[in-house]
């Protein structure tokens, strides 16, 4: 376990008394320490061609949800009606409702469901 800290580029505290900002907390994680994963705004409406950022949280058995970095969850690069790259789901021009985007992390799965408007 470690904390990655970034100071504000000056000596001492800033005006609010903050010397460092926690950027990342890493912990050795195993599949059994998480009860589930969730997608923020898991049900959305979008038009063909829209680009939707996807945000995923892991829910520990005994703690608050943890926002995952894009490299900590898996989404198929393309599926029926979408493509995925770098945290962005792009709704294909040939998509039909609903578009379901499967997400996996820590042995758990969930989905983003997009209704085409």
PDB file of N, CA and C in Angstrom:
ATOM      1  N   UNK A   1       0.838  -1.182   0.000  1.00  0.00           N
ATOM      2  CA  UNK A   1       0.000   0.000   0.000  1.00  0.00           C
ATOM      3  C   UNK A   1       0.888   1.252   0.000  1.00  0.00           C
ATOM      4  N   UNK A   2       0.451   2.250  -0.739  1.00  0.00           N
ATOM      5  CA  UNK A   2       1.164   3.512  -0.691  1.00  0.00           C
ATOM      6  C   UNK A   2       0.242   4.638  -1.111  1.00  0.00           C
ATOM      7  N   UNK A   3       0.623   5.824  -0.745  1.00  0.00           N
ATOM      8  CA  UNK A   3      -0.085   7.011  -1.197  1.00  0.00           C
ATOM      9  C   UNK A   3       0.809   7.735  -2.172  1.00  0.00           C
ATOM     10  N   UNK A   4       0.247   8.177  -3.267  1.00  0.00           N
ATOM     11  CA  UNK A   4       0.980   8.976  -4.223  1.00  0.00           C
ATOM     12  C   UNK A   4       0.591  10.423  -3.966  1.00  0.00           C
ATOM     13  N   UNK A   5       1.557  11.228  -3.573  1.00  0.00           N
ATOM     14  CA  UNK A   5       1.255  12.606  -3.201  1.00  0.00           C
ATOM     15  C   UNK A   5       1.895  13.578  -4.175  1.00  0.00           C
ATOM     16  N   UNK A   6       1.254  14.687  -4.386  1.00  0.00           N
ATOM     17  CA  UNK A   6       1.766  15.738  -5.245  1.00  0.00           C
ATOM     18  C   UNK A   6       1.679  17.044  -4.487  1.00  0.00           C
ATOM     19  N   UNK A   7       2.812  17.690  -4.262  1.00  0.00           N
ATOM     20  CA  UNK A   7       2.687  18.983  -3.589  1.00  0.00           C
ATOM     21  C   UNK A   7       2.301  20.032  -4.622  1.00  0.00           C
ATOM     22  N   UNK A   8       1.933  21.173  -4.169  1.00  0.00           N
ATOM     23  CA  UNK A   8       1.401  22.195  -5.054  1.00  0.00           C
ATOM     24  C   UNK A   8       2.477  22.993  -5.771  1.00  0.00           C
ATOM     25  N   UNK A   9       3.716  22.553  -5.721  1.00  0.00           N
ATOM     26  CA  UNK A   9       4.772  23.216  -6.475  1.00  0.00           C
ATOM     27  C   UNK A   9       5.397  24.379  -5.746  1.00  0.00           C
ATOM     28  N   UNK A  10       5.139  24.539  -4.474  1.00  0.00           N
ATOM     29  CA  UNK A  10       5.744  25.614  -3.713  1.00  0.00           C
ATOM     30  C   UNK A  10       6.112  25.076  -2.333  1.00  0.00           C
ATOM     31  N   UNK A  11       6.916  25.816  -1.620  1.00  0.00           N
ATOM     32  CA  UNK A  11       7.289  25.404  -0.275  1.00  0.00           C
ATOM     33  C   UNK A  11       6.204  25.828   0.689  1.00  0.00           C
ATOM     34  N   UNK A  12       5.778  24.921   1.543  1.00  0.00           N
ATOM     35  CA  UNK A  12       4.761  25.254   2.529  1.00  0.00           C
ATOM     36  C   UNK A  12       3.371  24.992   2.012  1.00  0.00           C
ATOM     37  N   UNK A  13       2.395  25.546   2.708  1.00  0.00           N
ATOM     38  CA  UNK A  13       0.984  25.307   2.413  1.00  0.00           C
ATOM     39  C   UNK A  13       0.441  26.335   1.435  1.00  0.00           C
ATOM     40  N   UNK A  14      -0.669  25.975   0.784  1.00  0.00           N
ATOM     41  CA  UNK A  14      -1.359  26.972  -0.026  1.00  0.00           C
ATOM     42  C   UNK A  14      -2.261  27.785   0.888  1.00  0.00           C
ATOM     43  N   UNK A  15      -3.051  28.675   0.347  1.00  0.00           N
ATOM     44  CA  UNK A  15      -3.899  29.560   1.156  1.00  0.00           C
ATOM     45  C   UNK A  15      -4.916  28.816   1.995  1.00  0.00           C
ATOM     46  N   UNK A  16      -5.275  27.604   1.621  1.00  0.00           N
ATOM     47  CA  UNK A  16      -6.278  26.846   2.363  1.00  0.00           C
ATOM     48  C   UNK A  16      -5.638  25.883   3.360  1.00  0.00           C
ATOM     49  N   UNK A  17      -4.319  25.964   3.543  1.00  0.00           N
ATOM     50  CA  UNK A  17      -3.650  25.090   4.485  1.00  0.00           C
ATOM     51  C   UNK A  17      -3.396  23.690   3.950  1.00  0.00           C
ATOM     52  N   UNK A  18      -3.505  23.517   2.638  1.00  0.00           N
ATOM     53  CA  UNK A  18      -3.295  22.203   2.040  1.00  0.00           C
ATOM     54  C   UNK A  18      -1.889  22.151   1.468  1.00  0.00           C
ATOM     55  N   UNK A  19      -1.114  21.172   1.899  1.00  0.00           N
ATOM     56  CA  UNK A  19       0.242  21.019   1.402  1.00  0.00           C
ATOM     57  C   UNK A  19       0.316  20.007   0.265  1.00  0.00           C
ATOM     58  N   UNK A  20      -0.494  18.976   0.330  1.00  0.00           N
ATOM     59  CA  UNK A  20      -0.430  17.923  -0.681  1.00  0.00           C
ATOM     60  C   UNK A  20      -1.831  17.458  -1.030  1.00  0.00           C
ATOM     61  N   UNK A  21      -1.954  16.882  -2.170  1.00  0.00           N
ATOM     62  CA  UNK A  21      -3.229  16.359  -2.659  1.00  0.00           C
ATOM     63  C   UNK A  21      -3.065  14.871  -2.894  1.00  0.00           C
ATOM     64  N   UNK A  22      -3.980  14.057  -2.377  1.00  0.00           N
ATOM     65  CA  UNK A  22      -3.917  12.616  -2.619  1.00  0.00           C
ATOM     66  C   UNK A  22      -4.417  12.367  -4.038  1.00  0.00           C
ATOM     67  N   UNK A  23      -3.555  11.801  -4.846  1.00  0.00           N
ATOM     68  CA  UNK A  23      -3.918  11.509  -6.229  1.00  0.00           C
ATOM     69  C   UNK A  23      -4.423  10.089  -6.391  1.00  0.00           C
ATOM     70  N   UNK A  24      -3.841   9.166  -5.645  1.00  0.00           N
ATOM     71  CA  UNK A  24      -4.155   7.775  -5.892  1.00  0.00           C
ATOM     72  C   UNK A  24      -3.876   6.965  -4.631  1.00  0.00           C
ATOM     73  N   UNK A  25      -4.755   6.039  -4.340  1.00  0.00           N
ATOM     74  CA  UNK A  25      -4.531   5.099  -3.252  1.00  0.00           C
ATOM     75  C   UNK A  25      -4.578   3.720  -3.864  1.00  0.00           C
ATOM     76  N   UNK A  26      -3.507   2.981  -3.768  1.00  0.00           N
ATOM     77  CA  UNK A  26      -3.463   1.647  -4.353  1.00  0.00           C
ATOM     78  C   UNK A  26      -3.382   0.624  -3.238  1.00  0.00           C
ATOM     79  N   UNK A  27      -4.104  -0.433  -3.408  1.00  0.00           N
ATOM     80  CA  UNK A  27      -4.110  -1.523  -2.447  1.00  0.00           C
ATOM     81  C   UNK A  27      -4.167  -2.816  -3.236  1.00  0.00           C
ATOM     82  N   UNK A  28      -3.460  -3.820  -2.760  1.00  0.00           N
ATOM     83  CA  UNK A  28      -3.558  -5.110  -3.419  1.00  0.00           C
ATOM     84  C   UNK A  28      -5.009  -5.559  -3.340  1.00  0.00           C
ATOM     85  N   UNK A  29      -5.623  -5.766  -4.469  1.00  0.00           N
ATOM     86  CA  UNK A  29      -7.049  -6.086  -4.514  1.00  0.00           C
ATOM     87  C   UNK A  29      -7.247  -7.506  -5.024  1.00  0.00           C
ATOM     88  N   UNK A  30      -8.175  -8.201  -4.401  1.00  0.00           N
ATOM     89  CA  UNK A  30      -8.554  -9.525  -4.873  1.00  0.00           C
ATOM     90  C   UNK A  30     -10.046  -9.499  -5.189  1.00  0.00           C
ATOM     91  N   UNK A  31     -10.470 -10.441  -6.028  1.00  0.00           N
ATOM     92  CA  UNK A  31     -11.860 -10.475  -6.464  1.00  0.00           C
ATOM     93  C   UNK A  31     -12.833 -10.566  -5.292  1.00  0.00           C
ATOM     94  N   UNK A  32     -12.454 -11.270  -4.228  1.00  0.00           N
ATOM     95  CA  UNK A  32     -13.398 -11.481  -3.128  1.00  0.00           C
ATOM     96  C   UNK A  32     -13.543 -10.297  -2.183  1.00  0.00           C
ATOM     97  N   UNK A  33     -12.732  -9.253  -2.352  1.00  0.00           N
ATOM     98  CA  UNK A  33     -12.890  -8.089  -1.480  1.00  0.00           C
ATOM     99  C   UNK A  33     -13.947  -7.110  -2.004  1.00  0.00           C
ATOM    100  N   UNK A  34     -14.491  -7.387  -3.208  1.00  0.00           N
ATOM    101  CA  UNK A  34     -15.512  -6.517  -3.794  1.00  0.00           C
ATOM    102  C   UNK A  34     -16.838  -7.262  -3.917  1.00  0.00           C
ATOM    103  N   UNK A  35     -17.910  -6.597  -3.501  1.00  0.00           N
ATOM    104  CA  UNK A  35     -19.245  -7.181  -3.596  1.00  0.00           C
ATOM    105  C   UNK A  35     -19.801  -7.032  -5.008  1.00  0.00           C
ATOM    106  N   UNK A  36     -19.460  -5.914  -5.669  1.00  0.00           N
ATOM    107  CA  UNK A  36     -19.991  -5.653  -7.004  1.00  0.00           C
ATOM    108  C   UNK A  36     -19.220  -4.513  -7.649  1.00  0.00           C
ATOM    109  N   UNK A  37     -19.525  -4.271  -8.923  1.00  0.00           N
ATOM    110  CA  UNK A  37     -19.070  -3.062  -9.604  1.00  0.00           C
ATOM    111  C   UNK A  37     -20.304  -2.368 -10.147  1.00  0.00           C
ATOM    112  N   UNK A  38     -20.222  -1.059 -10.268  1.00  0.00           N
ATOM    113  CA  UNK A  38     -21.346  -0.296 -10.799  1.00  0.00           C
ATOM    114  C   UNK A  38     -20.848   0.702 -11.834  1.00  0.00           C
ATOM    115  N   UNK A  39     -21.708   1.009 -12.788  1.00  0.00           N
ATOM    116  CA  UNK A  39     -21.433   2.032 -13.792  1.00  0.00           C
ATOM    117  C   UNK A  39     -22.248   3.263 -13.395  1.00  0.00           C
ATOM    118  N   UNK A  40     -21.584   4.391 -13.330  1.00  0.00           N
ATOM    119  CA  UNK A  40     -22.282   5.648 -13.035  1.00  0.00           C
ATOM    120  C   UNK A  40     -23.245   5.954 -14.179  1.00  0.00           C
ATOM    121  N   UNK A  41     -24.467   6.347 -13.842  1.00  0.00           N
ATOM    122  CA  UNK A  41     -25.505   6.608 -14.856  1.00  0.00           C
ATOM    123  C   UNK A  41     -25.619   5.425 -15.813  1.00  0.00           C
ATOM    124  N   UNK A  42     -25.917   4.269 -15.262  1.00  0.00           N
ATOM    125  CA  UNK A  42     -25.913   3.013 -16.013  1.00  0.00           C
ATOM    126  C   UNK A  42     -27.007   2.911 -17.064  1.00  0.00           C
ATOM    127  N   UNK A  43     -28.020   3.773 -16.997  1.00  0.00           N
ATOM    128  CA  UNK A  43     -29.078   3.799 -18.001  1.00  0.00           C
ATOM    129  C   UNK A  43     -29.119   5.210 -18.571  1.00  0.00           C
ATOM    130  N   UNK A  44     -28.878   5.329 -19.880  1.00  0.00           N
ATOM    131  CA  UNK A  44     -28.803   6.656 -20.509  1.00  0.00           C
ATOM    132  C   UNK A  44     -29.534   6.665 -21.844  1.00  0.00           C
ATOM    133  N   UNK A  45     -29.766   7.871 -22.324  1.00  0.00           N
ATOM    134  CA  UNK A  45     -30.270   8.079 -23.684  1.00  0.00           C
ATOM    135  C   UNK A  45     -29.172   8.774 -24.472  1.00  0.00           C
ATOM    136  N   UNK A  46     -29.038   8.412 -25.742  1.00  0.00           N
ATOM    137  CA  UNK A  46     -28.025   9.034 -26.595  1.00  0.00           C
ATOM    138  C   UNK A  46     -28.458   8.923 -28.050  1.00  0.00           C
ATOM    139  N   UNK A  47     -27.898   9.794 -28.853  1.00  0.00           N
ATOM    140  CA  UNK A  47     -28.132   9.744 -30.293  1.00  0.00           C
ATOM    141  C   UNK A  47     -27.003   8.954 -30.944  1.00  0.00           C
ATOM    142  N   UNK A  48     -27.256   8.475 -32.124  1.00  0.00           N
ATOM    143  CA  UNK A  48     -26.210   7.783 -32.876  1.00  0.00           C
ATOM    144  C   UNK A  48     -25.039   8.742 -33.071  1.00  0.00           C
ATOM    145  N   UNK A  49     -23.839   8.245 -32.859  1.00  0.00           N
ATOM    146  CA  UNK A  49     -22.640   9.069 -32.988  1.00  0.00           C
ATOM    147  C   UNK A  49     -22.198   9.733 -31.692  1.00  0.00           C
ATOM    148  N   UNK A  50     -23.048   9.731 -30.660  1.00  0.00           N
ATOM    149  CA  UNK A  50     -22.675  10.345 -29.379  1.00  0.00           C
ATOM    150  C   UNK A  50     -21.514   9.598 -28.734  1.00  0.00           C
ATOM    151  N   UNK A  51     -20.701  10.359 -28.021  1.00  0.00           N
ATOM    152  CA  UNK A  51     -19.580   9.809 -27.262  1.00  0.00           C
ATOM    153  C   UNK A  51     -19.920   9.936 -25.787  1.00  0.00           C
ATOM    154  N   UNK A  52     -19.959   8.802 -25.094  1.00  0.00           N
ATOM    155  CA  UNK A  52     -20.353   8.768 -23.694  1.00  0.00           C
ATOM    156  C   UNK A  52     -19.182   8.331 -22.818  1.00  0.00           C
ATOM    157  N   UNK A  53     -18.755   9.182 -21.900  1.00  0.00           N
ATOM    158  CA  UNK A  53     -17.736   8.725 -20.966  1.00  0.00           C
ATOM    159  C   UNK A  53     -18.331   7.662 -20.052  1.00  0.00           C
ATOM    160  N   UNK A  54     -17.541   6.671 -19.708  1.00  0.00           N
ATOM    161  CA  UNK A  54     -18.018   5.619 -18.818  1.00  0.00           C
ATOM    162  C   UNK A  54     -17.163   5.652 -17.546  1.00  0.00           C
ATOM    163  N   UNK A  55     -17.847   5.725 -16.410  1.00  0.00           N
ATOM    164  CA  UNK A  55     -17.185   5.776 -15.105  1.00  0.00           C
ATOM    165  C   UNK A  55     -17.641   4.556 -14.319  1.00  0.00           C
ATOM    166  N   UNK A  56     -16.667   3.804 -13.797  1.00  0.00           N
ATOM    167  CA  UNK A  56     -16.954   2.550 -13.102  1.00  0.00           C
ATOM    168  C   UNK A  56     -16.423   2.616 -11.675  1.00  0.00           C
ATOM    169  N   UNK A  57     -17.214   2.086 -10.746  1.00  0.00           N
ATOM    170  CA  UNK A  57     -16.827   2.023  -9.341  1.00  0.00           C
ATOM    171  C   UNK A  57     -16.830   0.574  -8.885  1.00  0.00           C
ATOM    172  N   UNK A  58     -15.861   0.206  -8.059  1.00  0.00           N
ATOM    173  CA  UNK A  58     -15.850  -1.087  -7.392  1.00  0.00           C
ATOM    174  C   UNK A  58     -16.388  -0.871  -5.987  1.00  0.00           C
ATOM    175  N   UNK A  59     -17.298  -1.735  -5.557  1.00  0.00           N
ATOM    176  CA  UNK A  59     -17.928  -1.613  -4.246  1.00  0.00           C
ATOM    177  C   UNK A  59     -17.334  -2.671  -3.312  1.00  0.00           C
ATOM    178  N   UNK A  60     -16.461  -2.260  -2.388  1.00  0.00           N
ATOM    179  CA  UNK A  60     -15.883  -3.219  -1.455  1.00  0.00           C
ATOM    180  C   UNK A  60     -16.950  -3.818  -0.554  1.00  0.00           C
ATOM    181  N   UNK A  61     -16.664  -4.986  -0.033  1.00  0.00           N
ATOM    182  CA  UNK A  61     -17.582  -5.648   0.890  1.00  0.00           C
ATOM    183  C   UNK A  61     -17.820  -4.775   2.115  1.00  0.00           C
ATOM    184  N   UNK A  62     -16.794  -4.058   2.559  1.00  0.00           N
ATOM    185  CA  UNK A  62     -16.919  -3.290   3.796  1.00  0.00           C
ATOM    186  C   UNK A  62     -16.408  -1.858   3.676  1.00  0.00           C
ATOM    187  N   UNK A  63     -16.784  -1.160   2.611  1.00  0.00           N
ATOM    188  CA  UNK A  63     -16.311   0.204   2.475  1.00  0.00           C
ATOM    189  C   UNK A  63     -17.053   0.962   1.394  1.00  0.00           C
ATOM    190  N   UNK A  64     -16.633   2.179   1.194  1.00  0.00           N
ATOM    191  CA  UNK A  64     -17.242   3.058   0.196  1.00  0.00           C
ATOM    192  C   UNK A  64     -16.780   2.668  -1.208  1.00  0.00           C
ATOM    193  N   UNK A  65     -17.596   2.930  -2.228  1.00  0.00           N
ATOM    194  CA  UNK A  65     -17.200   2.629  -3.610  1.00  0.00           C
ATOM    195  C   UNK A  65     -15.911   3.352  -3.997  1.00  0.00           C
ATOM    196  N   UNK A  66     -15.127   2.697  -4.834  1.00  0.00           N
ATOM    197  CA  UNK A  66     -13.839   3.219  -5.288  1.00  0.00           C
ATOM    198  C   UNK A  66     -13.916   3.420  -6.792  1.00  0.00           C
ATOM    199  N   UNK A  67     -13.665   4.646  -7.235  1.00  0.00           N
ATOM    200  CA  UNK A  67     -13.664   4.929  -8.671  1.00  0.00           C
ATOM    201  C   UNK A  67     -12.459   4.244  -9.306  1.00  0.00           C
ATOM    202  N   UNK A  68     -12.705   3.511 -10.388  1.00  0.00           N
ATOM    203  CA  UNK A  68     -11.645   2.786 -11.076  1.00  0.00           C
ATOM    204  C   UNK A  68     -11.082   3.602 -12.230  1.00  0.00           C
ATOM    205  N   UNK A  69      -9.789   3.472 -12.435  1.00  0.00           N
ATOM    206  CA  UNK A  69      -9.157   4.068 -13.613  1.00  0.00           C
ATOM    207  C   UNK A  69      -9.560   3.239 -14.831  1.00  0.00           C
ATOM    208  N   UNK A  70      -9.461   3.823 -16.006  1.00  0.00           N
ATOM    209  CA  UNK A  70      -9.865   3.124 -17.233  1.00  0.00           C
ATOM    210  C   UNK A  70      -9.147   1.795 -17.414  1.00  0.00           C
ATOM    211  N   UNK A  71      -7.919   1.677 -16.916  1.00  0.00           N
ATOM    212  CA  UNK A  71      -7.179   0.427 -17.090  1.00  0.00           C
ATOM    213  C   UNK A  71      -7.493  -0.603 -16.005  1.00  0.00           C
ATOM    214  N   UNK A  72      -8.427  -0.286 -15.094  1.00  0.00           N
ATOM    215  CA  UNK A  72      -8.790  -1.218 -14.034  1.00  0.00           C
ATOM    216  C   UNK A  72     -10.100  -1.957 -14.306  1.00  0.00           C
ATOM    217  N   UNK A  73     -10.740  -1.686 -15.427  1.00  0.00           N
ATOM    218  CA  UNK A  73     -11.939  -2.424 -15.820  1.00  0.00           C
ATOM    219  C   UNK A  73     -11.851  -2.750 -17.299  1.00  0.00           C
ATOM    220  N   UNK A  74     -12.639  -3.739 -17.716  1.00  0.00           N
ATOM    221  CA  UNK A  74     -12.618  -4.190 -19.106  1.00  0.00           C
ATOM    222  C   UNK A  74     -13.957  -3.944 -19.783  1.00  0.00           C
ATOM    223  N   UNK A  75     -13.872  -3.434 -20.992  1.00  0.00           N
ATOM    224  CA  UNK A  75     -15.021  -3.267 -21.885  1.00  0.00           C
ATOM    225  C   UNK A  75     -14.548  -3.779 -23.233  1.00  0.00           C
ATOM    226  N   UNK A  76     -15.370  -4.572 -23.887  1.00  0.00           N
ATOM    227  CA  UNK A  76     -14.993  -5.028 -25.228  1.00  0.00           C
ATOM    228  C   UNK A  76     -14.788  -3.807 -26.117  1.00  0.00           C
ATOM    229  N   UNK A  77     -13.760  -3.845 -26.959  1.00  0.00           N
ATOM    230  CA  UNK A  77     -13.445  -2.702 -27.813  1.00  0.00           C
ATOM    231  C   UNK A  77     -14.599  -2.345 -28.742  1.00  0.00           C
ATOM    232  N   UNK A  78     -15.392  -3.340 -29.109  1.00  0.00           N
ATOM    233  CA  UNK A  78     -16.582  -3.062 -29.910  1.00  0.00           C
ATOM    234  C   UNK A  78     -17.618  -4.123 -29.609  1.00  0.00           C
ATOM    235  N   UNK A  79     -18.858  -3.748 -29.770  1.00  0.00           N
ATOM    236  CA  UNK A  79     -19.961  -4.663 -29.548  1.00  0.00           C
ATOM    237  C   UNK A  79     -21.081  -4.288 -30.485  1.00  0.00           C
ATOM    238  N   UNK A  80     -22.240  -4.827 -30.245  1.00  0.00           N
ATOM    239  CA  UNK A  80     -23.367  -4.510 -31.101  1.00  0.00           C
ATOM    240  C   UNK A  80     -23.795  -3.070 -30.864  1.00  0.00           C
ATOM    241  N   UNK A  81     -23.493  -2.208 -31.809  1.00  0.00           N
ATOM    242  CA  UNK A  81     -23.946  -0.820 -31.746  1.00  0.00           C
ATOM    243  C   UNK A  81     -23.011   0.165 -31.080  1.00  0.00           C
ATOM    244  N   UNK A  82     -21.778  -0.237 -30.749  1.00  0.00           N
ATOM    245  CA  UNK A  82     -20.867   0.716 -30.123  1.00  0.00           C
ATOM    246  C   UNK A  82     -19.413   0.330 -30.368  1.00  0.00           C
ATOM    247  N   UNK A  83     -18.544   1.309 -30.124  1.00  0.00           N
ATOM    248  CA  UNK A  83     -17.102   1.059 -30.013  1.00  0.00           C
ATOM    249  C   UNK A  83     -16.652   1.665 -28.692  1.00  0.00           C
ATOM    250  N   UNK A  84     -15.533   1.168 -28.169  1.00  0.00           N
ATOM    251  CA  UNK A  84     -15.016   1.652 -26.894  1.00  0.00           C
ATOM    252  C   UNK A  84     -13.515   1.889 -27.001  1.00  0.00           C
ATOM    253  N   UNK A  85     -13.062   3.015 -26.464  1.00  0.00           N
ATOM    254  CA  UNK A  85     -11.629   3.303 -26.378  1.00  0.00           C
ATOM    255  C   UNK A  85     -11.407   4.362 -25.309  1.00  0.00           C
ATOM    256  N   UNK A  86     -10.437   4.109 -24.436  1.00  0.00           N
ATOM    257  CA  UNK A  86      -9.979   5.096 -23.451  1.00  0.00           C
ATOM    258  C   UNK A  86     -11.094   5.752 -22.639  1.00  0.00           C
ATOM    259  N   UNK A  87     -12.010   4.950 -22.117  1.00  0.00           N
ATOM    260  CA  UNK A  87     -13.054   5.486 -21.244  1.00  0.00           C
ATOM    261  C   UNK A  87     -14.239   6.112 -21.956  1.00  0.00           C
ATOM    262  N   UNK A  88     -14.293   5.987 -23.281  1.00  0.00           N
ATOM    263  CA  UNK A  88     -15.377   6.589 -24.072  1.00  0.00           C
ATOM    264  C   UNK A  88     -16.093   5.513 -24.888  1.00  0.00           C
ATOM    265  N   UNK A  89     -17.409   5.450 -24.737  1.00  0.00           N
ATOM    266  CA  UNK A  89     -18.251   4.584 -25.557  1.00  0.00           C
ATOM    267  C   UNK A  89     -18.845   5.458 -26.656  1.00  0.00           C
ATOM    268  N   UNK A  90     -18.623   5.067 -27.907  1.00  0.00           N
ATOM    269  CA  UNK A  90     -19.185   5.808 -29.042  1.00  0.00           C
ATOM    270  C   UNK A  90     -20.318   4.979 -29.629  1.00  0.00           C
ATOM    271  N   UNK A  91     -21.499   5.574 -29.688  1.00  0.00           N
ATOM    272  CA  UNK A  91     -22.671   4.891 -30.230  1.00  0.00           C
ATOM    273  C   UNK A  91     -22.562   4.874 -31.756  1.00  0.00           C
ATOM    274  N   UNK A  92     -22.645   3.692 -32.330  1.00  0.00           N
ATOM    275  CA  UNK A  92     -22.477   3.522 -33.776  1.00  0.00           C
ATOM    276  C   UNK A  92     -23.672   4.088 -34.539  1.00  0.00           C
ATOM    277  N   UNK A  93     -23.425   4.499 -35.770  1.00  0.00           N
ATOM    278  CA  UNK A  93     -24.497   5.032 -36.615  1.00  0.00           C
ATOM    279  C   UNK A  93     -25.542   3.977 -36.955  1.00  0.00           C
ATOM    280  N   UNK A  94     -25.147   2.701 -36.927  1.00  0.00           N
ATOM    281  CA  UNK A  94     -26.090   1.622 -37.233  1.00  0.00           C
ATOM    282  C   UNK A  94     -26.706   1.015 -35.967  1.00  0.00           C
ATOM    283  N   UNK A  95     -26.505   1.649 -34.815  1.00  0.00           N
ATOM    284  CA  UNK A  95     -27.006   1.114 -33.541  1.00  0.00           C
ATOM    285  C   UNK A  95     -28.526   1.125 -33.493  1.00  0.00           C
ATOM    286  N   UNK A  96     -29.070   0.141 -32.781  1.00  0.00           N
ATOM    287  CA  UNK A  96     -30.499   0.124 -32.507  1.00  0.00           C
ATOM    288  C   UNK A  96     -30.694  -0.103 -31.014  1.00  0.00           C
ATOM    289  N   UNK A  97     -31.787   0.409 -30.491  1.00  0.00           N
ATOM    290  CA  UNK A  97     -32.059   0.349 -29.044  1.00  0.00           C
ATOM    291  C   UNK A  97     -32.427  -1.044 -28.588  1.00  0.00           C
ATOM    292  N   UNK A  98     -32.042  -1.391 -27.401  1.00  0.00           N
ATOM    293  CA  UNK A  98     -31.039  -0.721 -26.563  1.00  0.00           C
ATOM    294  C   UNK A  98     -29.640  -1.211 -26.905  1.00  0.00           C
ATOM    295  N   UNK A  99     -28.638  -0.365 -26.660  1.00  0.00           N
ATOM    296  CA  UNK A  99     -27.245  -0.754 -26.794  1.00  0.00           C
ATOM    297  C   UNK A  99     -26.776  -1.143 -25.397  1.00  0.00           C
ATOM    298  N   UNK A 100     -26.258  -2.340 -25.256  1.00  0.00           N
ATOM    299  CA  UNK A 100     -25.784  -2.810 -23.957  1.00  0.00           C
ATOM    300  C   UNK A 100     -24.276  -3.001 -24.004  1.00  0.00           C
ATOM    301  N   UNK A 101     -23.591  -2.298 -23.093  1.00  0.00           N
ATOM    302  CA  UNK A 101     -22.135  -2.317 -23.028  1.00  0.00           C
ATOM    303  C   UNK A 101     -21.736  -3.067 -21.761  1.00  0.00           C
ATOM    304  N   UNK A 102     -21.162  -4.244 -21.917  1.00  0.00           N
ATOM    305  CA  UNK A 102     -20.743  -5.047 -20.772  1.00  0.00           C
ATOM    306  C   UNK A 102     -19.446  -4.530 -20.175  1.00  0.00           C
ATOM    307  N   UNK A 103     -19.384  -4.526 -18.837  1.00  0.00           N
ATOM    308  CA  UNK A 103     -18.202  -4.062 -18.112  1.00  0.00           C
ATOM    309  C   UNK A 103     -17.823  -5.137 -17.093  1.00  0.00           C
ATOM    310  N   UNK A 104     -16.519  -5.405 -16.970  1.00  0.00           N
ATOM    311  CA  UNK A 104     -16.036  -6.406 -16.013  1.00  0.00           C
ATOM    312  C   UNK A 104     -14.842  -5.866 -15.243  1.00  0.00           C
ATOM    313  N   UNK A 105     -14.776  -6.226 -13.958  1.00  0.00           N
ATOM    314  CA  UNK A 105     -13.623  -5.911 -13.103  1.00  0.00           C
ATOM    315  C   UNK A 105     -13.704  -6.781 -11.859  1.00  0.00           C
ATOM    316  N   UNK A 106     -12.570  -7.245 -11.398  1.00  0.00           N
ATOM    317  CA  UNK A 106     -12.478  -8.018 -10.160  1.00  0.00           C
ATOM    318  C   UNK A 106     -13.439  -9.206 -10.134  1.00  0.00           C
ATOM    319  N   UNK A 107     -13.636  -9.850 -11.273  1.00  0.00           N
ATOM    320  CA  UNK A 107     -14.507 -11.011 -11.337  1.00  0.00           C
ATOM    321  C   UNK A 107     -15.989 -10.685 -11.271  1.00  0.00           C
ATOM    322  N   UNK A 108     -16.341  -9.420 -11.344  1.00  0.00           N
ATOM    323  CA  UNK A 108     -17.740  -8.968 -11.294  1.00  0.00           C
ATOM    324  C   UNK A 108     -18.090  -8.343 -12.639  1.00  0.00           C
ATOM    325  N   UNK A 109     -19.385  -8.293 -12.940  1.00  0.00           N
ATOM    326  CA  UNK A 109     -19.799  -7.682 -14.202  1.00  0.00           C
ATOM    327  C   UNK A 109     -21.050  -6.836 -14.008  1.00  0.00           C
ATOM    328  N   UNK A 110     -21.205  -5.896 -14.914  1.00  0.00           N
ATOM    329  CA  UNK A 110     -22.368  -5.017 -14.954  1.00  0.00           C
ATOM    330  C   UNK A 110     -22.491  -4.502 -16.381  1.00  0.00           C
ATOM    331  N   UNK A 111     -23.392  -3.565 -16.627  1.00  0.00           N
ATOM    332  CA  UNK A 111     -23.523  -3.041 -17.987  1.00  0.00           C
ATOM    333  C   UNK A 111     -24.026  -1.611 -17.975  1.00  0.00           C
ATOM    334  N   UNK A 112     -23.734  -0.949 -19.059  1.00  0.00           N
ATOM    335  CA  UNK A 112     -24.296   0.358 -19.394  1.00  0.00           C
ATOM    336  C   UNK A 112     -25.332   0.094 -20.449  1.00  0.00           C
ATOM    337  N   UNK A 113     -26.565   0.583 -20.230  1.00  0.00           N
ATOM    338  CA  UNK A 113     -27.642   0.398 -21.199  1.00  0.00           C
ATOM    339  C   UNK A 113     -27.997   1.756 -21.789  1.00  0.00           C
ATOM    340  N   UNK A 114     -27.916   1.865 -23.111  1.00  0.00           N
ATOM    341  CA  UNK A 114     -28.163   3.124 -23.800  1.00  0.00           C
ATOM    342  C   UNK A 114     -29.364   2.977 -24.721  1.00  0.00           C
ATOM    343  N   UNK A 115     -30.351   3.831 -24.505  1.00  0.00           N
ATOM    344  CA  UNK A 115     -31.516   3.895 -25.382  1.00  0.00           C
ATOM    345  C   UNK A 115     -31.228   4.929 -26.469  1.00  0.00           C
ATOM    346  N   UNK A 116     -31.436   4.556 -27.733  1.00  0.00           N
ATOM    347  CA  UNK A 116     -31.190   5.466 -28.845  1.00  0.00           C
ATOM    348  C   UNK A 116     -32.406   6.387 -28.975  1.00  0.00           C
ATOM    349  N   UNK A 117     -32.121   7.697 -28.996  1.00  0.00           N
ATOM    350  CA  UNK A 117     -33.228   8.665 -29.134  1.00  0.00           C
ATOM    351  C   UNK A 117     -33.346   9.156 -30.542  1.00  0.00           C
TER     352      UNK A 117
END
